[in-house]
Amino acid sequence: LIALNPDEATTYYGWIIRMYDGAGKYDQAIEAAKKIIELNPKSELAVYNLGIMYLKLQRYDEAVGAFRQALAIKPDYASAMYNIGYSYSLAKKYKESIQGFEKYTQLAPEDPLGWLNVGIGYMQLKNFEAALEPMRKSVELKPDNASAQFNLAIVYINLKDTYSAREVQKTLQGLDAGLADRLKKYLR
């Protein structure tokens, strides 16, 4: 099939990836993804899909390697950069995660999730001063994100700014009463 029509082979392997992905058989999907890359080594999407399969298998270093390879092909590939940060976060490598998400925010400065993840990385490292600005930016970009509001309040609490945390709690009450009640327990 490859010798007769490489385009049809790519489509065929794409179906195989979707089939194995849907069945949760990511190891087999990886083999098909590698075949597509052999057929079209300059396809950032093919390399990206390989990274996603590694990510699903919790093989984070290999996922990061694939996402970096996709970035080598297309340097402004924001999704690949996001998933580098995400892979590092899942691997509990928070410094590297922060670096990945900070680079992502350069590629997609209007995406509140990038800023939120930078802030969460700093929170994981207990560096609440550094977490404050990315959390504020995330809330500024998407004020109705209850999770971002909650995390911003937690940052304020850790910085001993209960006034600001209470203000966020008032906003949170209208977004997610459960999270607002949970936050109230931290404010006592």
N, C-alpha and C. Protein backbone atom coordinates (compact mmCIF):
# COMPACT_ATOMS: atom_id res chain seq x y z
N LEU A 1 0.82 -1.20 0.00
CA LEU A 1 0.00 0.00 0.00
C LEU A 1 0.86 1.26 0.00
N ILE A 2 1.94 1.24 0.80
CA ILE A 2 2.82 2.41 0.86
C ILE A 2 3.46 2.67 -0.50
N ALA A 3 3.91 1.62 -1.15
CA ALA A 3 4.59 1.77 -2.44
C ALA A 3 3.61 2.24 -3.51
N LEU A 4 2.36 1.78 -3.44
CA LEU A 4 1.38 2.14 -4.46
C LEU A 4 0.85 3.56 -4.29
N ASN A 5 0.54 3.96 -3.06
CA ASN A 5 -0.06 5.27 -2.85
C ASN A 5 0.20 5.74 -1.41
N PRO A 6 1.22 6.54 -1.21
CA PRO A 6 1.55 7.00 0.15
C PRO A 6 0.42 7.79 0.81
N ASP A 7 -0.36 8.55 0.01
CA ASP A 7 -1.46 9.31 0.62
C ASP A 7 -2.52 8.38 1.20
N GLU A 8 -2.84 7.33 0.48
CA GLU A 8 -3.81 6.36 0.99
C GLU A 8 -3.25 5.63 2.20
N ALA A 9 -1.96 5.37 2.21
CA ALA A 9 -1.34 4.72 3.36
C ALA A 9 -1.43 5.60 4.59
N THR A 10 -1.22 6.90 4.41
CA THR A 10 -1.34 7.84 5.54
C THR A 10 -2.76 7.83 6.09
N THR A 11 -3.75 7.84 5.20
CA THR A 11 -5.15 7.79 5.63
C THR A 11 -5.43 6.48 6.37
N TYR A 12 -4.94 5.40 5.83
CA TYR A 12 -5.13 4.08 6.43
C TYR A 12 -4.53 4.05 7.84
N TYR A 13 -3.31 4.51 7.99
CA TYR A 13 -2.68 4.52 9.32
C TYR A 13 -3.40 5.50 10.26
N GLY A 14 -3.95 6.56 9.72
CA GLY A 14 -4.74 7.48 10.54
C GLY A 14 -5.97 6.80 11.12
N TRP A 15 -6.63 5.97 10.31
CA TRP A 15 -7.78 5.21 10.81
C TRP A 15 -7.34 4.24 11.90
N ILE A 16 -6.19 3.63 11.68
CA ILE A 16 -5.67 2.68 12.68
C ILE A 16 -5.40 3.41 14.00
N ILE A 17 -4.82 4.59 13.92
CA ILE A 17 -4.57 5.36 15.15
C ILE A 17 -5.88 5.64 15.87
N ARG A 18 -6.88 6.12 15.14
CA ARG A 18 -8.17 6.43 15.76
C ARG A 18 -8.81 5.18 16.36
N MET A 19 -8.69 4.05 15.67
CA MET A 19 -9.28 2.81 16.16
C MET A 19 -8.60 2.39 17.47
N TYR A 20 -7.27 2.36 17.47
CA TYR A 20 -6.57 1.94 18.68
C TYR A 20 -6.73 2.97 19.80
N ASP A 21 -6.76 4.24 19.46
CA ASP A 21 -6.97 5.28 20.46
C ASP A 21 -8.33 5.09 21.12
N GLY A 22 -9.35 4.88 20.31
CA GLY A 22 -10.70 4.67 20.84
C GLY A 22 -10.80 3.43 21.71
N ALA A 23 -9.99 2.43 21.40
CA ALA A 23 -10.00 1.19 22.18
C ALA A 23 -9.06 1.26 23.38
N GLY A 24 -8.34 2.37 23.52
CA GLY A 24 -7.41 2.50 24.63
C GLY A 24 -6.13 1.69 24.46
N LYS A 25 -5.84 1.29 23.22
CA LYS A 25 -4.63 0.51 22.93
C LYS A 25 -3.58 1.44 22.33
N TYR A 26 -3.03 2.27 23.20
CA TYR A 26 -2.15 3.35 22.75
C TYR A 26 -0.81 2.84 22.22
N ASP A 27 -0.33 1.69 22.73
CA ASP A 27 0.92 1.13 22.21
C ASP A 27 0.80 0.82 20.72
N GLN A 28 -0.33 0.23 20.33
CA GLN A 28 -0.53 -0.07 18.91
C GLN A 28 -0.71 1.23 18.11
N ALA A 29 -1.36 2.22 18.70
CA ALA A 29 -1.53 3.50 18.02
C ALA A 29 -0.17 4.15 17.76
N ILE A 30 0.76 3.97 18.69
CA ILE A 30 2.10 4.54 18.53
C ILE A 30 2.78 3.96 17.28
N GLU A 31 2.62 2.68 17.08
CA GLU A 31 3.23 2.06 15.90
C GLU A 31 2.67 2.66 14.61
N ALA A 32 1.37 2.87 14.56
CA ALA A 32 0.76 3.48 13.37
C ALA A 32 1.22 4.93 13.22
N ALA A 33 1.32 5.65 14.33
CA ALA A 33 1.79 7.05 14.27
C ALA A 33 3.21 7.12 13.73
N LYS A 34 4.04 6.19 14.13
CA LYS A 34 5.43 6.15 13.62
C LYS A 34 5.45 5.88 12.12
N LYS A 35 4.53 5.06 11.64
CA LYS A 35 4.46 4.78 10.20
C LYS A 35 4.09 6.05 9.43
N ILE A 36 3.16 6.84 9.97
CA ILE A 36 2.78 8.09 9.31
C ILE A 36 3.96 9.05 9.26
N ILE A 37 4.73 9.09 10.35
CA ILE A 37 5.91 9.97 10.39
C ILE A 37 6.95 9.51 9.37
N GLU A 38 7.10 8.19 9.20
CA GLU A 38 8.02 7.67 8.18
C GLU A 38 7.59 8.15 6.79
N LEU A 39 6.27 8.17 6.55
CA LEU A 39 5.75 8.60 5.25
C LEU A 39 5.88 10.10 5.04
N ASN A 40 5.75 10.85 6.14
CA ASN A 40 5.77 12.31 6.03
C ASN A 40 6.49 12.89 7.25
N PRO A 41 7.82 12.84 7.25
CA PRO A 41 8.58 13.29 8.43
C PRO A 41 8.47 14.78 8.73
N LYS A 42 7.97 15.57 7.82
CA LYS A 42 7.82 17.01 8.04
C LYS A 42 6.41 17.39 8.51
N SER A 43 5.61 16.41 8.88
CA SER A 43 4.25 16.67 9.35
C SER A 43 4.28 16.87 10.86
N GLU A 44 4.13 18.14 11.27
CA GLU A 44 4.11 18.43 12.71
C GLU A 44 2.91 17.77 13.38
N LEU A 45 1.80 17.62 12.66
CA LEU A 45 0.62 16.98 13.23
C LEU A 45 0.86 15.50 13.50
N ALA A 46 1.55 14.83 12.60
CA ALA A 46 1.84 13.41 12.80
C ALA A 46 2.72 13.22 14.03
N VAL A 47 3.72 14.07 14.19
CA VAL A 47 4.61 13.98 15.34
C VAL A 47 3.85 14.34 16.62
N TYR A 48 2.99 15.35 16.53
CA TYR A 48 2.17 15.76 17.66
C TYR A 48 1.28 14.60 18.13
N ASN A 49 0.64 13.91 17.17
CA ASN A 49 -0.21 12.78 17.52
C ASN A 49 0.57 11.67 18.22
N LEU A 50 1.81 11.47 17.81
CA LEU A 50 2.66 10.50 18.50
C LEU A 50 2.85 10.94 19.96
N GLY A 51 3.10 12.22 20.16
CA GLY A 51 3.25 12.75 21.52
C GLY A 51 2.00 12.53 22.35
N ILE A 52 0.83 12.71 21.76
CA ILE A 52 -0.43 12.50 22.48
C ILE A 52 -0.55 11.03 22.92
N MET A 53 -0.16 10.12 22.06
CA MET A 53 -0.23 8.70 22.44
C MET A 53 0.73 8.40 23.60
N TYR A 54 1.93 8.95 23.54
CA TYR A 54 2.87 8.78 24.66
C TYR A 54 2.29 9.39 25.94
N LEU A 55 1.66 10.52 25.81
CA LEU A 55 1.05 11.18 26.96
C LEU A 55 -0.02 10.28 27.58
N LYS A 56 -0.84 9.68 26.75
CA LYS A 56 -1.90 8.79 27.23
C LYS A 56 -1.33 7.55 27.92
N LEU A 57 -0.14 7.16 27.52
CA LEU A 57 0.53 6.02 28.16
C LEU A 57 1.34 6.43 29.39
N GLN A 58 1.29 7.71 29.72
CA GLN A 58 2.05 8.27 30.84
C GLN A 58 3.55 8.11 30.65
N ARG A 59 3.98 8.12 29.41
CA ARG A 59 5.40 8.09 29.06
C ARG A 59 5.80 9.53 28.74
N TYR A 60 5.92 10.30 29.82
CA TYR A 60 6.02 11.75 29.70
C TYR A 60 7.28 12.23 29.01
N ASP A 61 8.40 11.61 29.28
CA ASP A 61 9.64 12.05 28.62
C ASP A 61 9.56 11.85 27.11
N GLU A 62 8.99 10.73 26.70
CA GLU A 62 8.84 10.48 25.26
C GLU A 62 7.81 11.44 24.65
N ALA A 63 6.77 11.75 25.42
CA ALA A 63 5.78 12.72 24.94
C ALA A 63 6.44 14.07 24.72
N VAL A 64 7.22 14.52 25.71
CA VAL A 64 7.91 15.80 25.57
C VAL A 64 8.82 15.78 24.36
N GLY A 65 9.54 14.68 24.15
CA GLY A 65 10.42 14.56 22.99
C GLY A 65 9.66 14.70 21.68
N ALA A 66 8.50 14.07 21.60
CA ALA A 66 7.69 14.18 20.37
C ALA A 66 7.17 15.60 20.18
N PHE A 67 6.71 16.22 21.27
CA PHE A 67 6.20 17.60 21.14
C PHE A 67 7.32 18.56 20.75
N ARG A 68 8.51 18.32 21.27
CA ARG A 68 9.66 19.16 20.88
C ARG A 68 10.00 18.96 19.39
N GLN A 69 9.87 17.73 18.93
CA GLN A 69 10.11 17.44 17.52
C GLN A 69 9.07 18.17 16.65
N ALA A 70 7.82 18.19 17.11
CA ALA A 70 6.78 18.92 16.37
C ALA A 70 7.10 20.42 16.34
N LEU A 71 7.63 20.94 17.44
CA LEU A 71 8.02 22.35 17.49
C LEU A 71 9.22 22.64 16.58
N ALA A 72 10.08 21.65 16.41
CA ALA A 72 11.22 21.84 15.50
C ALA A 72 10.72 22.00 14.06
N ILE A 73 9.62 21.32 13.75
CA ILE A 73 9.04 21.43 12.42
C ILE A 73 8.25 22.73 12.27
N LYS A 74 7.50 23.08 13.31
CA LYS A 74 6.66 24.29 13.30
C LYS A 74 6.87 25.02 14.62
N PRO A 75 7.80 25.97 14.67
CA PRO A 75 8.18 26.63 15.93
C PRO A 75 7.06 27.36 16.66
N ASP A 76 5.99 27.75 15.98
CA ASP A 76 4.90 28.45 16.65
C ASP A 76 3.71 27.52 16.94
N TYR A 77 3.97 26.24 17.08
CA TYR A 77 2.93 25.24 17.31
C TYR A 77 2.51 25.29 18.79
N ALA A 78 1.55 26.11 19.08
CA ALA A 78 1.14 26.39 20.46
C ALA A 78 0.66 25.13 21.19
N SER A 79 -0.10 24.28 20.53
CA SER A 79 -0.61 23.08 21.19
C SER A 79 0.52 22.16 21.63
N ALA A 80 1.55 22.07 20.83
CA ALA A 80 2.70 21.24 21.21
C ALA A 80 3.37 21.82 22.45
N MET A 81 3.52 23.14 22.49
CA MET A 81 4.15 23.77 23.66
C MET A 81 3.27 23.58 24.90
N TYR A 82 1.97 23.74 24.75
CA TYR A 82 1.07 23.52 25.88
C TYR A 82 1.25 22.11 26.44
N ASN A 83 1.32 21.14 25.54
CA ASN A 83 1.42 19.75 26.00
C ASN A 83 2.78 19.42 26.58
N ILE A 84 3.81 20.18 26.26
CA ILE A 84 5.09 20.02 26.96
C ILE A 84 4.89 20.42 28.42
N GLY A 85 4.29 21.59 28.64
CA GLY A 85 4.01 22.01 30.01
C GLY A 85 3.12 21.02 30.74
N TYR A 86 2.10 20.54 30.05
CA TYR A 86 1.16 19.59 30.65
C TYR A 86 1.85 18.27 30.99
N SER A 87 2.70 17.78 30.10
CA SER A 87 3.43 16.52 30.37
C SER A 87 4.31 16.66 31.59
N TYR A 88 5.04 17.76 31.68
CA TYR A 88 5.89 17.99 32.84
C TYR A 88 5.06 18.11 34.11
N SER A 89 3.91 18.74 34.02
CA SER A 89 3.04 18.88 35.19
C SER A 89 2.59 17.51 35.68
N LEU A 90 2.16 16.66 34.77
CA LEU A 90 1.73 15.31 35.15
C LEU A 90 2.88 14.49 35.74
N ALA A 91 4.10 14.77 35.27
CA ALA A 91 5.28 14.07 35.79
C ALA A 91 5.78 14.70 37.09
N LYS A 92 5.07 15.74 37.56
CA LYS A 92 5.42 16.46 38.78
C LYS A 92 6.79 17.13 38.69
N LYS A 93 7.13 17.55 37.48
CA LYS A 93 8.35 18.33 37.24
C LYS A 93 7.89 19.77 37.05
N TYR A 94 7.63 20.43 38.18
CA TYR A 94 6.94 21.71 38.13
C TYR A 94 7.78 22.85 37.56
N LYS A 95 9.08 22.86 37.80
CA LYS A 95 9.91 23.92 37.21
C LYS A 95 9.86 23.85 35.69
N GLU A 96 10.00 22.63 35.16
CA GLU A 96 9.95 22.45 33.71
C GLU A 96 8.55 22.75 33.18
N SER A 97 7.54 22.38 33.96
CA SER A 97 6.16 22.67 33.58
C SER A 97 5.94 24.17 33.45
N ILE A 98 6.42 24.92 34.43
CA ILE A 98 6.29 26.38 34.39
C ILE A 98 6.96 26.93 33.14
N GLN A 99 8.16 26.45 32.85
CA GLN A 99 8.88 26.93 31.66
C GLN A 99 8.07 26.65 30.39
N GLY A 100 7.51 25.45 30.31
CA GLY A 100 6.71 25.10 29.13
C GLY A 100 5.48 25.97 29.00
N PHE A 101 4.76 26.17 30.11
CA PHE A 101 3.56 27.00 30.05
C PHE A 101 3.90 28.47 29.83
N GLU A 102 5.03 28.94 30.35
CA GLU A 102 5.43 30.33 30.08
C GLU A 102 5.71 30.52 28.59
N LYS A 103 6.35 29.55 27.97
CA LYS A 103 6.57 29.64 26.52
C LYS A 103 5.25 29.57 25.77
N TYR A 104 4.33 28.77 26.29
CA TYR A 104 3.01 28.69 25.68
C TYR A 104 2.31 30.05 25.73
N THR A 105 2.41 30.75 26.89
CA THR A 105 1.75 32.05 27.01
C THR A 105 2.34 33.06 26.03
N GLN A 106 3.58 32.85 25.61
CA GLN A 106 4.16 33.73 24.60
C GLN A 106 3.52 33.47 23.23
N LEU A 107 3.19 32.19 22.99
CA LEU A 107 2.56 31.83 21.72
C LEU A 107 1.06 32.10 21.71
N ALA A 108 0.42 31.99 22.88
CA ALA A 108 -1.02 32.18 22.99
C ALA A 108 -1.33 33.04 24.22
N PRO A 109 -0.97 34.32 24.17
CA PRO A 109 -1.09 35.17 25.36
C PRO A 109 -2.53 35.40 25.82
N GLU A 110 -3.50 35.16 24.98
CA GLU A 110 -4.90 35.39 25.35
C GLU A 110 -5.59 34.14 25.89
N ASP A 111 -4.86 33.03 26.03
CA ASP A 111 -5.45 31.80 26.56
C ASP A 111 -5.30 31.78 28.08
N PRO A 112 -6.39 31.90 28.82
CA PRO A 112 -6.30 31.93 30.28
C PRO A 112 -5.76 30.64 30.89
N LEU A 113 -5.91 29.53 30.19
CA LEU A 113 -5.42 28.26 30.74
C LEU A 113 -3.90 28.22 30.84
N GLY A 114 -3.22 28.85 29.90
CA GLY A 114 -1.76 28.92 29.99
C GLY A 114 -1.32 29.64 31.24
N TRP A 115 -1.93 30.81 31.49
CA TRP A 115 -1.59 31.60 32.68
C TRP A 115 -1.96 30.85 33.95
N LEU A 116 -3.14 30.20 33.94
CA LEU A 116 -3.57 29.43 35.10
C LEU A 116 -2.55 28.34 35.43
N ASN A 117 -2.08 27.65 34.41
CA ASN A 117 -1.13 26.57 34.63
C ASN A 117 0.23 27.07 35.10
N VAL A 118 0.64 28.24 34.65
CA VAL A 118 1.87 28.84 35.18
C VAL A 118 1.69 29.08 36.68
N GLY A 119 0.57 29.68 37.04
CA GLY A 119 0.30 29.95 38.45
C GLY A 119 0.23 28.69 39.28
N ILE A 120 -0.43 27.67 38.77
CA ILE A 120 -0.53 26.41 39.52
C ILE A 120 0.85 25.78 39.70
N GLY A 121 1.69 25.87 38.69
CA GLY A 121 3.06 25.36 38.83
C GLY A 121 3.80 26.04 39.97
N TYR A 122 3.69 27.36 40.03
CA TYR A 122 4.32 28.09 41.13
C TYR A 122 3.69 27.72 42.47
N MET A 123 2.39 27.51 42.48
CA MET A 123 1.73 27.09 43.72
C MET A 123 2.26 25.74 44.19
N GLN A 124 2.48 24.83 43.24
CA GLN A 124 3.02 23.52 43.59
C GLN A 124 4.41 23.64 44.24
N LEU A 125 5.14 24.66 43.80
CA LEU A 125 6.48 24.90 44.36
C LEU A 125 6.42 25.78 45.61
N LYS A 126 5.20 26.13 46.03
CA LYS A 126 4.99 26.98 47.22
C LYS A 126 5.57 28.39 47.03
N ASN A 127 5.66 28.83 45.80
CA ASN A 127 6.14 30.17 45.49
C ASN A 127 4.91 31.02 45.13
N PHE A 128 4.20 31.45 46.18
CA PHE A 128 2.93 32.14 45.98
C PHE A 128 3.11 33.55 45.42
N GLU A 129 4.23 34.18 45.73
CA GLU A 129 4.47 35.51 45.15
C GLU A 129 4.57 35.42 43.63
N ALA A 130 5.28 34.41 43.14
CA ALA A 130 5.41 34.24 41.69
C ALA A 130 4.09 33.78 41.06
N ALA A 131 3.25 33.10 41.84
CA ALA A 131 1.98 32.59 41.32
C ALA A 131 0.94 33.70 41.14
N LEU A 132 1.11 34.80 41.87
CA LEU A 132 0.08 35.84 41.91
C LEU A 132 -0.22 36.45 40.54
N GLU A 133 0.78 36.93 39.83
CA GLU A 133 0.53 37.62 38.55
C GLU A 133 -0.08 36.70 37.49
N PRO A 134 0.44 35.46 37.32
CA PRO A 134 -0.21 34.61 36.32
C PRO A 134 -1.66 34.28 36.68
N MET A 135 -1.94 34.12 37.99
CA MET A 135 -3.32 33.86 38.41
C MET A 135 -4.21 35.07 38.13
N ARG A 136 -3.71 36.25 38.43
CA ARG A 136 -4.47 37.46 38.12
C ARG A 136 -4.76 37.57 36.62
N LYS A 137 -3.75 37.27 35.82
CA LYS A 137 -3.90 37.36 34.36
C LYS A 137 -4.95 36.36 33.88
N SER A 138 -4.93 35.15 34.43
CA SER A 138 -5.91 34.15 34.05
C SER A 138 -7.32 34.61 34.37
N VAL A 139 -7.50 35.18 35.56
CA VAL A 139 -8.82 35.67 35.97
C VAL A 139 -9.23 36.88 35.13
N GLU A 140 -8.27 37.72 34.81
CA GLU A 140 -8.56 38.89 33.97
C GLU A 140 -9.07 38.45 32.59
N LEU A 141 -8.45 37.41 32.03
CA LEU A 141 -8.83 36.94 30.70
C LEU A 141 -10.15 36.18 30.71
N LYS A 142 -10.44 35.49 31.81
CA LYS A 142 -11.68 34.70 31.90
C LYS A 142 -12.23 34.78 33.32
N PRO A 143 -12.91 35.88 33.62
CA PRO A 143 -13.39 36.10 34.99
C PRO A 143 -14.41 35.07 35.48
N ASP A 144 -15.05 34.35 34.57
CA ASP A 144 -16.05 33.37 34.99
C ASP A 144 -15.48 31.97 35.21
N ASN A 145 -14.15 31.84 35.22
CA ASN A 145 -13.52 30.55 35.50
C ASN A 145 -13.41 30.37 37.01
N ALA A 146 -14.30 29.56 37.57
CA ALA A 146 -14.36 29.37 39.02
C ALA A 146 -13.06 28.78 39.57
N SER A 147 -12.46 27.87 38.84
CA SER A 147 -11.21 27.26 39.30
C SER A 147 -10.09 28.30 39.40
N ALA A 148 -10.01 29.17 38.42
CA ALA A 148 -8.99 30.23 38.46
C ALA A 148 -9.25 31.18 39.62
N GLN A 149 -10.51 31.54 39.83
CA GLN A 149 -10.86 32.41 40.94
C GLN A 149 -10.48 31.76 42.28
N PHE A 150 -10.82 30.50 42.43
CA PHE A 150 -10.50 29.77 43.66
C PHE A 150 -8.99 29.75 43.91
N ASN A 151 -8.24 29.42 42.88
CA ASN A 151 -6.78 29.36 43.03
C ASN A 151 -6.18 30.74 43.31
N LEU A 152 -6.74 31.78 42.73
CA LEU A 152 -6.28 33.13 43.03
C LEU A 152 -6.50 33.44 44.51
N ALA A 153 -7.66 33.05 45.03
CA ALA A 153 -7.94 33.28 46.45
C ALA A 153 -6.96 32.50 47.33
N ILE A 154 -6.63 31.29 46.95
CA ILE A 154 -5.67 30.48 47.72
C ILE A 154 -4.30 31.18 47.72
N VAL A 155 -3.92 31.74 46.60
CA VAL A 155 -2.67 32.50 46.54
C VAL A 155 -2.73 33.66 47.51
N TYR A 156 -3.83 34.42 47.48
CA TYR A 156 -3.97 35.55 48.41
C TYR A 156 -3.89 35.09 49.87
N ILE A 157 -4.54 33.99 50.19
CA ILE A 157 -4.50 33.48 51.57
C ILE A 157 -3.07 33.17 51.97
N ASN A 158 -2.32 32.54 51.09
CA ASN A 158 -0.93 32.19 51.40
C ASN A 158 -0.03 33.42 51.48
N LEU A 159 -0.45 34.49 50.85
CA LEU A 159 0.30 35.75 50.93
C LEU A 159 -0.21 36.62 52.08
N LYS A 160 -1.13 36.06 52.89
CA LYS A 160 -1.69 36.76 54.07
C LYS A 160 -2.51 37.99 53.68
N ASP A 161 -3.12 37.94 52.50
CA ASP A 161 -3.98 39.02 52.03
C ASP A 161 -5.43 38.51 52.08
N THR A 162 -5.99 38.43 53.28
CA THR A 162 -7.34 37.88 53.42
C THR A 162 -8.41 38.81 52.84
N TYR A 163 -8.14 40.12 52.84
CA TYR A 163 -9.10 41.06 52.25
C TYR A 163 -9.34 40.69 50.77
N SER A 164 -8.27 40.54 50.00
CA SER A 164 -8.40 40.21 48.58
C SER A 164 -9.02 38.82 48.40
N ALA A 165 -8.67 37.89 49.28
CA ALA A 165 -9.24 36.54 49.20
C ALA A 165 -10.75 36.59 49.43
N ARG A 166 -11.20 37.43 50.36
CA ARG A 166 -12.64 37.57 50.62
C ARG A 166 -13.36 38.21 49.42
N GLU A 167 -12.70 39.15 48.77
CA GLU A 167 -13.29 39.75 47.58
C GLU A 167 -13.47 38.70 46.48
N VAL A 168 -12.47 37.86 46.31
CA VAL A 168 -12.57 36.78 45.32
C VAL A 168 -13.67 35.82 45.72
N GLN A 169 -13.80 35.55 47.01
CA GLN A 169 -14.83 34.63 47.51
C GLN A 169 -16.23 35.15 47.16
N LYS A 170 -16.43 36.46 47.23
CA LYS A 170 -17.72 37.06 46.86
C LYS A 170 -18.00 36.80 45.37
N THR A 171 -16.99 36.99 44.54
CA THR A 171 -17.15 36.73 43.10
C THR A 171 -17.43 35.25 42.87
N LEU A 172 -16.71 34.42 43.58
CA LEU A 172 -16.84 32.96 43.42
C LEU A 172 -18.23 32.48 43.82
N GLN A 173 -18.85 33.14 44.76
CA GLN A 173 -20.19 32.75 45.20
C GLN A 173 -21.17 32.72 44.03
N GLY A 174 -21.02 33.67 43.12
CA GLY A 174 -21.89 33.71 41.95
C GLY A 174 -21.52 32.73 40.86
N LEU A 175 -20.31 32.19 40.92
CA LEU A 175 -19.84 31.27 39.89
C LEU A 175 -19.99 29.81 40.30
N ASP A 176 -19.63 29.51 41.53
CA ASP A 176 -19.64 28.13 42.01
C ASP A 176 -19.78 28.15 43.53
N ALA A 177 -21.00 27.99 44.00
CA ALA A 177 -21.27 28.08 45.45
C ALA A 177 -20.48 27.03 46.24
N GLY A 178 -20.29 25.86 45.66
CA GLY A 178 -19.53 24.81 46.34
C GLY A 178 -18.08 25.21 46.57
N LEU A 179 -17.44 25.76 45.54
CA LEU A 179 -16.06 26.23 45.69
C LEU A 179 -16.00 27.43 46.64
N ALA A 180 -17.01 28.28 46.60
CA ALA A 180 -17.04 29.43 47.51
C ALA A 180 -17.14 28.96 48.96
N ASP A 181 -17.96 27.94 49.21
CA ASP A 181 -18.07 27.40 50.57
C ASP A 181 -16.76 26.74 51.00
N ARG A 182 -16.14 26.05 50.08
CA ARG A 182 -14.84 25.43 50.38
C ARG A 182 -13.79 26.49 50.72
N LEU A 183 -13.82 27.57 49.98
CA LEU A 183 -12.88 28.67 50.23
C LEU A 183 -13.16 29.32 51.58
N LYS A 184 -14.42 29.42 51.93
CA LYS A 184 -14.81 30.03 53.22
C LYS A 184 -14.12 29.30 54.38
N LYS A 185 -13.95 28.00 54.27
CA LYS A 185 -13.29 27.22 55.33
C LYS A 185 -11.84 27.63 55.50
N TYR A 186 -11.19 28.01 54.40
CA TYR A 186 -9.80 28.46 54.47
C TYR A 186 -9.69 29.88 55.02
N LEU A 187 -10.77 30.63 54.95
CA LEU A 187 -10.75 32.01 55.39
C LEU A 187 -11.06 32.19 56.88
N ARG A 188 -11.39 31.12 57.54
CA ARG A 188 -11.68 31.23 58.98
C ARG A 188 -10.46 31.37 59.80
